[in-house]
Amino acid sequence: MLRRVIHVALPTAIIVGLLAWWAHGVLTTQTDEALRAQRPAWARCPGSLDVECATIKVPLDHAAPQEHPIDMALARLPARHPDQRIGSLVVNYGGPGISGVAAFIADPEPFNALRARYDIVAFDPRGVGKSSPLNCRPKGEPLPYVTVDQTPDTPKEREALLKALNEYAAACKRQAGPLLAHLTTDATARDLDILRSALDEPELTYFGYSYGGGLGAAYAQLYPSKVRRMVLDAPSAAAGGGPEIGNPENASDEPIEAFVADCVKRRGCPLGRDRETALGYLEEFVKVRDGLPLDVSGGKLTDALAAAGISELLYTTDDWPRLRRALADGLKGDGQALYDAAMEFEESENFSRDAFTAIDCNDTSTRPRTEHVAGAAESAREKAPILGAWLAWGWLRCTGWDTVPGDAWWADPTRQIAAIMVVGTVGDPVVPYEDVRTLRSTLSGSVMVTLKGKSHTAYRTGDRCVNKAVDAYLLDGVIPAADVKCPVAGARKR
């Protein structure tokens, strides 16, 4: 049924999508100078009382800016004190694939303190949200690889996974047309400089979470003289990440172990009161799902989707109560909550897995061999019984994707740039602290703010030390004389 849908239902959507995409972008040709001279025409965003929206044009191909401009969607909240206004602070929420416009409209509060003196400007990166979005499937259709075994144990299961991954890549290629090769971190970083100019800012002031931190670093490498102030919160060493073959010996269930250590101290923990026993229950629950998935509305909870659902609910300690409830249900045979969380991991209203994969795979030329991944997955499973195999098989996600010529941004040598503030969390469940340190080493003159915690990203998640350092830097230009070491998250909350 899935194969029939892909080969029969897609063509109409593809034709309509491509015609609309081309028609949308051929209104006029633009020189680089004209694109930089744009000024957003701000108007109230639909469904919002306060946030303003606008659209500007950026080049499809920055090497030929006059040939085919595409849309870049923006959202803004003006500074509350115009007489004290510093300028525009451009923010990116991460991903790749997160709609900054939708995320900002939904919750602008984290930037409330900075809005005192900044216009806060969010944007949808190319391929995302309302910025020439990439849509590889008819609306409502699942990702092809979700419906097959994502941790294959037999040649037949491996063949099915590779087939699904190839079908997905082919569908994205057909749907995106000429857009696909230009969905890269490098291109988005260059878009940022068009946006900087359109906002009439001589230099960029920027805040990037997670992948957005990597994007900020890419901008700094491309335009070192155009950085004013920049905060990179939990940035990864590789902007899009890419399916790099990591060392399976580095596989870790540490984020789960932190959750379990907290859970067993609480009355009613579904895993019991003993840490080792609890980890054993959780490992067995995920393992059994490989051959005995749970039926749920929308599909089946497999071992891979159980791992994805758990991973989704480990991003922040605020989600730990939801994870406890989901595990309680799962251990009783009801996998719906974990399945729903896994679907959020794969795609949600504000997150495009299609755009994530396109950017991720265009940012690297690595295309691992199946045999290599199979061996790594076994080693990773031994090291991290709950998440290891699922994470390792994920290295195949760029199967079927063409490589995009060009060097990855992080291969550039260090250049002299303005002081940048890098924020890293020891215990981050998503971006290892050592990866943050690696990226920091590429940014000369940068200062590091370190927090010990268990959540992904640190600013405005409850720690006063991080908030104080970031606000002082962005609002008053205060650069710490030395790296800042914050106490354990939650020790002093604001």
Protein backbone atom coordinates (compact mmCIF):
# COMPACT_ATOMS: atom_id res chain seq x y z
CA MET A 1 0.00 0.00 0.00
CA LEU A 2 2.79 2.39 0.89
CA ARG A 3 4.60 1.76 -2.37
CA ARG A 4 1.45 2.39 -4.36
CA VAL A 5 0.87 5.69 -2.57
CA ILE A 6 4.40 6.83 -3.22
CA HIS A 7 4.30 6.07 -6.93
CA VAL A 8 0.71 7.08 -7.64
CA ALA A 9 -0.25 9.81 -5.20
CA LEU A 10 2.97 11.82 -5.31
CA PRO A 11 3.06 12.97 -8.96
CA THR A 12 0.07 15.32 -8.62
CA ALA A 13 1.47 16.86 -5.44
CA ILE A 14 4.89 17.12 -7.05
CA ILE A 15 3.60 18.87 -10.17
CA VAL A 16 1.45 21.28 -8.19
CA GLY A 17 4.26 21.94 -5.71
CA LEU A 18 6.88 22.61 -8.37
CA LEU A 19 4.60 24.87 -10.41
CA ALA A 20 3.68 26.88 -7.31
CA TRP A 21 7.30 27.06 -6.22
CA TRP A 22 8.55 28.31 -9.57
CA ALA A 23 5.65 30.73 -10.00
CA HIS A 24 6.29 32.14 -6.56
CA GLY A 25 9.91 32.91 -7.30
CA VAL A 26 9.86 34.24 -10.86
CA LEU A 27 8.20 37.56 -10.07
CA THR A 28 11.40 39.40 -10.81
CA THR A 29 15.14 39.04 -10.98
CA GLN A 30 17.25 40.64 -8.28
CA THR A 31 20.87 41.63 -8.02
CA ASP A 32 22.73 41.01 -4.78
CA GLU A 33 22.71 44.76 -4.19
CA ALA A 34 18.93 44.97 -4.66
CA LEU A 35 18.35 42.03 -2.32
CA ARG A 36 20.44 43.71 0.36
CA ALA A 37 18.51 46.96 -0.08
CA GLN A 38 15.17 45.30 0.76
CA ARG A 39 13.25 46.42 3.81
CA PRO A 40 10.64 44.10 5.38
CA ALA A 41 7.05 45.31 5.20
CA TRP A 42 5.92 44.31 8.69
CA ALA A 43 2.26 43.50 9.34
CA ARG A 44 0.45 41.71 12.16
CA CYS A 45 0.90 37.94 11.92
CA PRO A 46 -2.32 35.97 11.41
CA GLY A 47 -3.46 34.57 14.74
CA SER A 48 -1.15 36.77 16.83
CA LEU A 49 -1.96 39.92 18.74
CA ASP A 50 1.60 41.21 19.03
CA VAL A 51 4.01 39.52 16.63
CA GLU A 52 4.61 41.09 13.22
CA CYS A 53 5.39 39.10 10.08
CA ALA A 54 7.10 39.90 6.79
CA THR A 55 8.80 38.22 3.85
CA ILE A 56 12.01 39.10 2.05
CA LYS A 57 13.78 37.51 -0.90
CA VAL A 58 17.06 35.62 -0.81
CA PRO A 59 18.87 33.97 -3.73
CA LEU A 60 18.19 30.34 -4.51
CA ASP A 61 21.87 30.18 -5.51
CA HIS A 62 24.12 32.73 -3.87
CA ALA A 63 26.59 32.29 -6.73
CA ALA A 64 23.90 33.60 -9.10
CA PRO A 65 21.66 35.89 -7.00
CA GLN A 66 19.90 37.41 -10.00
CA GLU A 67 18.53 34.15 -11.38
CA HIS A 68 15.88 32.96 -8.96
CA PRO A 69 15.09 34.59 -5.61
CA ILE A 70 13.10 32.60 -3.05
CA ASP A 71 11.14 33.61 0.03
CA MET A 72 12.44 34.02 3.58
CA ALA A 73 9.64 34.35 6.16
CA LEU A 74 10.23 36.57 9.21
CA ALA A 75 8.56 37.35 12.54
CA ARG A 76 9.32 40.27 14.85
CA LEU A 77 8.51 41.81 18.21
CA PRO A 78 9.79 45.42 18.36
CA ALA A 79 11.83 46.61 21.32
CA ARG A 80 9.70 47.71 24.28
CA HIS A 81 11.89 50.78 24.88
CA PRO A 82 12.59 52.32 21.46
CA ASP A 83 14.63 55.15 23.01
CA GLN A 84 17.06 52.53 24.39
CA ARG A 85 16.99 50.27 21.34
CA ILE A 86 20.29 48.59 20.41
CA GLY A 87 19.11 47.05 17.15
CA SER A 88 17.74 43.71 15.93
CA LEU A 89 18.54 40.39 17.58
CA VAL A 90 18.10 37.54 15.09
CA VAL A 91 17.23 34.19 16.69
CA ASN A 92 17.25 30.61 15.43
CA TYR A 93 15.61 27.77 17.37
CA GLY A 94 17.67 24.90 15.97
CA GLY A 95 16.91 21.80 13.99
CA PRO A 96 17.71 21.97 11.18
CA GLY A 97 14.07 22.02 10.17
CA ILE A 98 12.46 24.07 12.95
CA SER A 99 10.19 26.92 11.89
CA GLY A 100 11.48 29.95 13.75
CA VAL A 101 8.39 31.97 12.84
CA ALA A 102 5.97 29.40 14.27
CA ALA A 103 8.12 28.79 17.36
CA PHE A 104 8.43 32.51 18.08
CA ILE A 105 4.73 33.21 17.64
CA ALA A 106 3.91 30.26 19.92
CA ASP A 107 6.28 31.35 22.71
CA PRO A 108 8.26 34.61 22.53
CA GLU A 109 8.67 34.73 26.34
CA PRO A 110 12.27 33.34 26.52
CA PHE A 111 13.47 36.55 24.84
CA ASN A 112 11.36 38.87 26.98
CA ALA A 113 14.32 40.36 28.88
CA LEU A 114 16.29 40.99 25.70
CA ARG A 115 13.28 42.57 24.03
CA ALA A 116 13.66 45.55 26.36
CA ARG A 117 16.30 46.92 24.00
CA TYR A 118 16.20 44.68 20.93
CA ASP A 119 13.76 44.01 18.16
CA ILE A 120 13.59 40.21 18.34
CA VAL A 121 13.53 38.77 14.81
CA ALA A 122 12.91 35.07 14.07
CA PHE A 123 12.98 33.49 10.63
CA ASP A 124 12.16 30.32 8.75
CA PRO A 125 15.36 28.99 7.16
CA ARG A 126 15.17 28.01 3.50
CA GLY A 127 13.18 24.81 2.99
CA VAL A 128 11.31 25.26 6.27
CA GLY A 129 7.91 26.64 7.30
CA LYS A 130 6.98 29.45 4.92
CA SER A 131 10.42 29.83 3.33
CA SER A 132 10.05 27.74 0.15
CA PRO A 133 9.27 24.65 2.24
CA LEU A 134 10.36 21.17 1.22
CA ASN A 135 7.55 18.62 1.38
CA CYS A 136 8.54 15.16 0.22
CA ARG A 137 5.27 13.36 0.91
CA PRO A 138 1.54 13.97 0.63
CA LYS A 139 0.24 15.52 3.83
CA GLY A 140 -0.45 12.86 6.44
CA GLU A 141 1.68 10.16 4.84
CA PRO A 142 4.27 8.65 7.21
CA LEU A 143 7.98 8.72 6.54
CA PRO A 144 8.67 5.53 4.53
CA TYR A 145 11.41 4.25 6.81
CA VAL A 146 9.18 4.50 9.92
CA THR A 147 7.03 1.65 8.61
CA VAL A 148 9.93 -0.83 8.36
CA ASP A 149 12.36 -2.26 10.92
CA GLN A 150 14.86 0.51 11.66
CA THR A 151 17.22 -1.79 13.60
CA PRO A 152 17.45 -4.67 11.10
CA ASP A 153 18.74 -8.04 12.25
CA THR A 154 18.45 -10.01 8.99
CA PRO A 155 19.42 -9.42 5.33
CA LYS A 156 15.72 -9.16 4.44
CA GLU A 157 15.15 -6.46 7.08
CA ARG A 158 18.23 -4.56 5.90
CA GLU A 159 17.00 -4.71 2.31
CA ALA A 160 13.61 -3.34 3.36
CA LEU A 161 15.23 -0.46 5.27
CA LEU A 162 17.53 0.47 2.39
CA LYS A 163 14.60 0.35 -0.04
CA ALA A 164 12.53 2.66 2.16
CA LEU A 165 15.43 5.10 2.58
CA ASN A 166 16.07 5.16 -1.18
CA GLU A 167 12.38 5.72 -1.92
CA TYR A 168 12.31 8.62 0.52
CA ALA A 169 15.40 10.23 -1.02
CA ALA A 170 13.97 9.83 -4.52
CA ALA A 171 10.65 11.40 -3.48
CA CYS A 172 12.43 14.40 -1.96
CA LYS A 173 14.52 14.83 -5.10
CA ARG A 174 11.44 14.78 -7.34
CA GLN A 175 9.49 17.16 -5.15
CA ALA A 176 12.21 19.72 -4.46
CA GLY A 177 13.62 20.07 -7.96
CA PRO A 178 16.38 22.70 -8.16
CA LEU A 179 15.80 23.78 -4.56
CA LEU A 180 17.22 20.58 -3.07
CA ALA A 181 20.93 21.15 -3.79
CA HIS A 182 20.71 24.60 -2.17
CA LEU A 183 19.36 23.43 1.19
CA THR A 184 22.63 23.70 3.10
CA THR A 185 23.91 25.37 6.24
CA ASP A 186 26.30 27.39 4.08
CA ALA A 187 23.43 28.80 2.00
CA THR A 188 21.36 29.59 5.09
CA ALA A 189 24.32 31.38 6.68
CA ARG A 190 24.58 33.50 3.54
CA ASP A 191 20.83 34.17 3.79
CA LEU A 192 21.52 35.52 7.27
CA ASP A 193 23.75 38.19 5.78
CA ILE A 194 21.01 39.22 3.36
CA LEU A 195 18.68 39.44 6.38
CA ARG A 196 21.22 41.48 8.34
CA SER A 197 21.39 43.98 5.51
CA ALA A 198 17.60 44.02 5.03
CA LEU A 199 17.24 44.87 8.74
CA ASP A 200 19.61 47.81 8.11
CA GLU A 201 22.17 46.43 10.56
CA PRO A 202 25.89 47.00 9.84
CA GLU A 203 26.71 43.92 11.94
CA LEU A 204 24.74 40.85 13.01
CA THR A 205 23.57 40.31 16.58
CA TYR A 206 22.42 36.72 16.88
CA PHE A 207 21.21 34.01 19.26
CA GLY A 208 21.22 30.38 18.13
CA TYR A 209 19.99 27.31 19.99
CA SER A 210 21.49 23.89 19.15
CA TYR A 211 21.80 23.63 15.34
CA GLY A 212 21.14 27.37 15.34
CA GLY A 213 24.41 27.68 17.25
CA GLY A 214 26.20 25.79 14.51
CA LEU A 215 24.55 28.07 11.97
CA GLY A 216 25.82 31.11 13.87
CA ALA A 217 29.34 29.68 13.84
CA ALA A 218 29.04 29.13 10.09
CA TYR A 219 28.06 32.78 9.66
CA ALA A 220 31.00 33.90 11.80
CA GLN A 221 33.40 31.90 9.64
CA LEU A 222 31.94 33.38 6.43
CA TYR A 223 31.58 36.97 7.66
CA PRO A 224 34.00 37.48 10.56
CA SER A 225 33.89 41.27 10.24
CA LYS A 226 30.09 41.34 10.35
CA VAL A 227 29.63 39.84 13.84
CA ARG A 228 28.59 42.23 16.58
CA ARG A 229 27.38 40.00 19.43
CA MET A 230 26.54 36.33 19.15
CA VAL A 231 25.37 33.67 21.61
CA LEU A 232 25.59 30.00 20.64
CA ASP A 233 23.67 27.81 23.11
CA ALA A 234 24.52 24.08 22.89
CA PRO A 235 25.97 24.30 19.36
CA SER A 236 27.22 21.15 17.68
CA ALA A 237 30.67 20.84 16.12
CA ALA A 238 29.06 20.01 12.78
CA ALA A 239 26.23 22.40 11.95
CA GLY A 240 23.86 19.98 10.28
CA GLY A 241 25.40 17.03 12.04
CA GLY A 242 25.46 14.74 9.04
CA PRO A 243 25.52 10.95 9.32
CA GLU A 244 29.13 10.87 10.45
CA ILE A 245 30.33 7.46 11.56
CA GLY A 246 31.04 7.98 15.20
CA ASN A 247 32.96 5.65 17.45
CA PRO A 248 30.43 3.09 18.75
CA GLU A 249 32.53 2.91 21.90
CA ASN A 250 31.30 6.42 22.62
CA ALA A 251 27.66 5.30 22.54
CA SER A 252 25.97 6.08 25.82
CA ASP A 253 22.67 5.70 27.62
CA GLU A 254 23.79 8.42 30.04
CA PRO A 255 20.72 10.66 29.48
CA ILE A 256 18.44 7.70 30.29
CA GLU A 257 20.54 6.81 33.30
CA ALA A 258 20.10 10.37 34.60
CA PHE A 259 16.33 10.10 34.14
CA VAL A 260 16.21 6.70 35.84
CA ALA A 261 18.32 7.94 38.77
CA ASP A 262 15.71 10.66 39.31
CA CYS A 263 12.72 8.39 38.70
CA VAL A 264 13.60 5.75 41.29
CA LYS A 265 13.66 8.42 44.00
CA ARG A 266 10.04 9.30 43.30
CA ARG A 267 6.99 7.58 44.68
CA GLY A 268 5.18 5.72 41.93
CA CYS A 269 8.14 5.45 39.57
CA PRO A 270 6.96 2.84 37.01
CA LEU A 271 10.44 1.33 36.94
CA GLY A 272 10.60 0.60 40.66
CA ARG A 273 12.97 1.93 43.33
CA ASP A 274 16.27 0.28 42.42
CA ARG A 275 18.39 1.96 39.74
CA GLU A 276 19.97 -1.14 38.19
CA THR A 277 16.68 -3.04 38.21
CA ALA A 278 14.94 -0.06 36.60
CA LEU A 279 17.50 0.13 33.80
CA GLY A 280 17.04 -3.58 33.25
CA TYR A 281 13.26 -3.19 32.96
CA LEU A 282 13.69 -0.37 30.45
CA GLU A 283 16.27 -2.27 28.40
CA GLU A 284 14.04 -5.35 28.25
CA PHE A 285 10.98 -3.27 27.32
CA VAL A 286 12.75 -1.75 24.31
CA LYS A 287 14.42 -5.01 23.28
CA VAL A 288 11.13 -6.96 23.27
CA ARG A 289 9.53 -4.39 20.97
CA ASP A 290 11.84 -5.54 18.16
CA GLY A 291 9.98 -8.80 17.71
CA LEU A 292 6.78 -7.92 19.55
CA PRO A 293 5.71 -4.35 18.76
CA LEU A 294 2.69 -2.86 20.49
CA ASP A 295 -0.34 -1.99 18.35
CA VAL A 296 -1.22 1.69 18.63
CA SER A 297 -3.40 4.15 16.79
CA GLY A 298 -1.43 5.08 13.68
CA GLY A 299 0.95 2.13 13.57
CA LYS A 300 3.08 -0.05 15.82
CA LEU A 301 5.47 0.80 18.63
CA THR A 302 8.69 -0.95 17.57
CA ASP A 303 12.00 -0.94 19.43
CA ALA A 304 13.25 1.93 17.26
CA LEU A 305 10.14 4.02 17.85
CA ALA A 306 10.26 3.26 21.56
CA ALA A 307 13.85 4.54 21.58
CA ALA A 308 12.83 7.60 19.55
CA GLY A 309 9.95 8.35 21.91
CA ILE A 310 12.18 8.04 24.96
CA SER A 311 14.81 10.24 23.33
CA GLU A 312 12.25 12.91 22.48
CA LEU A 313 11.22 13.12 26.14
CA LEU A 314 14.80 13.43 27.39
CA TYR A 315 15.52 16.82 25.77
CA THR A 316 14.53 18.68 28.90
CA THR A 317 13.81 17.69 32.50
CA ASP A 318 10.45 19.42 32.07
CA ASP A 319 9.42 16.41 29.96
CA TRP A 320 10.46 13.80 32.52
CA PRO A 321 6.98 13.59 34.13
CA ARG A 322 5.54 12.87 30.68
CA LEU A 323 8.18 10.18 30.14
CA ARG A 324 7.32 8.56 33.47
CA ARG A 325 3.66 8.42 32.47
CA ALA A 326 4.49 7.09 28.98
CA LEU A 327 6.65 4.33 30.44
CA ALA A 328 4.00 3.44 32.99
CA ASP A 329 1.51 2.98 30.13
CA GLY A 330 4.04 1.10 28.00
CA LEU A 331 4.87 -1.40 30.71
CA LYS A 332 1.12 -2.11 30.93
CA GLY A 333 0.95 -2.78 27.19
CA ASP A 334 -0.22 0.65 26.05
CA GLY A 335 2.44 2.17 23.81
CA GLN A 336 0.42 5.10 22.48
CA ALA A 337 2.15 7.84 24.50
CA LEU A 338 5.62 6.66 23.52
CA TYR A 339 4.53 6.28 19.90
CA ASP A 340 3.12 9.81 19.86
CA ALA A 341 6.39 11.12 21.29
CA ALA A 342 8.31 9.23 18.59
CA MET A 343 6.16 10.85 15.91
CA GLU A 344 7.01 14.23 17.42
CA PHE A 345 10.67 13.27 17.15
CA GLU A 346 10.17 12.43 13.48
CA GLU A 347 8.00 15.43 12.65
CA SER A 348 5.73 17.95 14.32
CA GLU A 349 3.75 21.05 13.48
CA ASN A 350 6.82 23.28 13.79
CA PHE A 351 9.48 20.78 12.69
CA SER A 352 10.09 19.37 9.21
CA ARG A 353 11.93 16.05 9.06
CA ASP A 354 12.13 16.51 5.28
CA ALA A 355 14.08 19.75 5.65
CA PHE A 356 16.15 18.28 8.48
CA THR A 357 17.25 15.35 6.35
CA ALA A 358 17.92 17.44 3.25
CA ILE A 359 20.15 19.91 5.11
CA ASP A 360 21.75 17.17 7.19
CA CYS A 361 22.67 15.13 4.11
CA ASN A 362 23.71 18.08 1.96
CA ASP A 363 26.11 19.23 4.67
CA THR A 364 28.22 16.08 4.44
CA SER A 365 29.48 13.73 1.75
CA THR A 366 29.57 10.77 4.17
CA ARG A 367 27.53 7.81 2.94
CA PRO A 368 28.32 4.85 5.22
CA ARG A 369 28.27 1.28 3.96
CA THR A 370 25.55 -0.95 5.38
CA GLU A 371 28.08 -3.53 6.54
CA HIS A 372 30.01 -0.89 8.45
CA VAL A 373 26.87 0.38 10.17
CA ALA A 374 25.74 -3.15 11.04
CA GLY A 375 29.00 -3.83 12.85
CA ALA A 376 28.93 -0.46 14.59
CA ALA A 377 25.33 -1.03 15.66
CA GLU A 378 26.25 -4.26 17.44
CA SER A 379 29.07 -2.54 19.30
CA ALA A 380 26.83 0.42 20.13
CA ARG A 381 24.12 -1.92 21.44
CA GLU A 382 26.60 -3.46 23.85
CA LYS A 383 27.74 -0.06 25.06
CA ALA A 384 24.27 1.52 25.19
CA PRO A 385 21.60 -1.24 25.27
CA ILE A 386 18.62 1.10 25.09
CA LEU A 387 19.55 3.72 22.47
CA GLY A 388 22.77 2.42 20.90
CA ALA A 389 21.49 0.31 18.00
CA TRP A 390 18.81 2.82 17.02
CA LEU A 391 21.31 5.67 16.96
CA ALA A 392 23.88 3.67 14.97
CA TRP A 393 21.44 2.55 12.28
CA GLY A 394 20.50 6.22 11.93
CA TRP A 395 23.87 6.71 10.23
CA LEU A 396 22.23 5.28 7.10
CA ARG A 397 19.71 8.12 6.87
CA CYS A 398 21.44 9.74 3.86
CA THR A 399 21.19 6.59 1.75
CA GLY A 400 20.09 7.61 -1.74
CA TRP A 401 20.94 11.29 -1.34
CA ASP A 402 23.27 12.97 -3.82
CA THR A 403 26.29 14.75 -2.38
CA VAL A 404 26.58 18.52 -2.75
CA PRO A 405 30.00 19.83 -3.83
CA GLY A 406 31.83 22.14 -1.45
CA ASP A 407 33.66 22.02 1.84
CA ALA A 408 31.79 21.78 5.11
CA TRP A 409 31.87 25.09 6.95
CA TRP A 410 33.59 23.65 10.02
CA ALA A 411 36.65 22.77 7.89
CA ASP A 412 37.49 26.48 7.64
CA PRO A 413 40.48 27.70 9.64
CA THR A 414 40.00 29.87 12.71
CA ARG A 415 39.77 33.56 11.93
CA GLN A 416 39.88 36.65 14.12
CA ILE A 417 36.32 37.61 14.94
CA ALA A 418 34.43 39.51 17.60
CA ALA A 419 34.02 37.85 20.99
CA ILE A 420 31.30 35.21 20.81
CA MET A 421 29.60 33.65 23.84
CA VAL A 422 29.33 29.86 23.69
CA VAL A 423 27.07 28.10 26.20
CA GLY A 424 27.51 24.40 26.95
CA THR A 425 25.87 22.03 29.41
CA VAL A 426 27.76 19.16 31.00
CA GLY A 427 25.10 16.45 30.85
CA ASP A 428 23.28 17.77 27.76
CA PRO A 429 21.32 14.74 26.45
CA VAL A 430 21.57 15.87 22.80
CA VAL A 431 24.85 17.70 22.14
CA PRO A 432 27.80 16.36 24.14
CA TYR A 433 29.69 19.02 26.05
CA GLU A 434 32.93 18.01 24.32
CA ASP A 435 31.31 18.80 20.95
CA VAL A 436 30.53 22.30 22.22
CA ARG A 437 34.13 22.69 23.32
CA THR A 438 35.29 21.54 19.89
CA LEU A 439 33.21 24.18 18.15
CA ARG A 440 34.33 26.83 20.61
CA SER A 441 37.95 26.07 19.67
CA THR A 442 37.24 27.22 16.09
CA LEU A 443 36.12 30.67 17.28
CA SER A 444 39.02 32.86 18.31
CA GLY A 445 38.32 35.25 21.15
CA SER A 446 35.18 33.39 22.25
CA VAL A 447 34.15 33.00 25.90
CA MET A 448 32.58 29.84 27.34
CA VAL A 449 29.70 29.61 29.81
CA THR A 450 29.41 26.13 31.32
CA LEU A 451 26.46 24.71 33.25
CA LYS A 452 26.05 21.30 34.86
CA GLY A 453 22.57 20.06 34.06
CA LYS A 454 20.43 17.47 32.28
CA SER A 455 18.58 19.53 29.65
CA HIS A 456 19.40 20.47 26.08
CA THR A 457 20.23 24.23 25.90
CA ALA A 458 20.55 26.42 28.98
CA TYR A 459 19.36 30.00 28.44
CA ARG A 460 16.03 30.76 30.13
CA THR A 461 15.58 27.19 31.32
CA GLY A 462 15.70 28.20 34.97
CA ASP A 463 19.36 28.91 35.75
CA ARG A 464 20.10 32.45 36.92
CA CYS A 465 23.85 32.21 36.34
CA VAL A 466 23.49 31.50 32.60
CA ASN A 467 20.73 34.09 32.18
CA LYS A 468 22.81 36.76 33.89
CA ALA A 469 25.90 36.14 31.76
CA VAL A 470 23.95 36.09 28.48
CA ASP A 471 21.84 39.16 29.27
CA ALA A 472 24.84 41.20 30.40
CA TYR A 473 26.70 40.29 27.22
CA LEU A 474 23.85 40.98 24.78
CA LEU A 475 22.34 44.01 26.52
CA ASP A 476 25.47 45.76 27.80
CA GLY A 477 28.32 44.20 25.87
CA VAL A 478 29.88 42.77 29.05
CA ILE A 479 32.43 40.13 28.06
CA PRO A 480 33.57 38.00 31.01
CA ALA A 481 37.29 38.23 31.66
CA ALA A 482 37.43 34.43 31.86
CA ASP A 483 35.20 31.46 31.12
CA VAL A 484 32.13 31.30 33.37
CA LYS A 485 31.46 28.18 35.46
CA CYS A 486 27.86 28.03 36.64
CA PRO A 487 26.70 25.82 39.52
CA VAL A 488 24.43 22.81 39.02
CA ALA A 489 21.25 23.73 37.15
CA GLY A 490 18.45 24.54 39.54
CA ALA A 491 20.77 25.47 42.42
CA ARG A 492 19.87 29.12 41.97
CA LYS A 493 16.81 29.66 39.87
CA ARG A 494 15.23 32.86 38.76
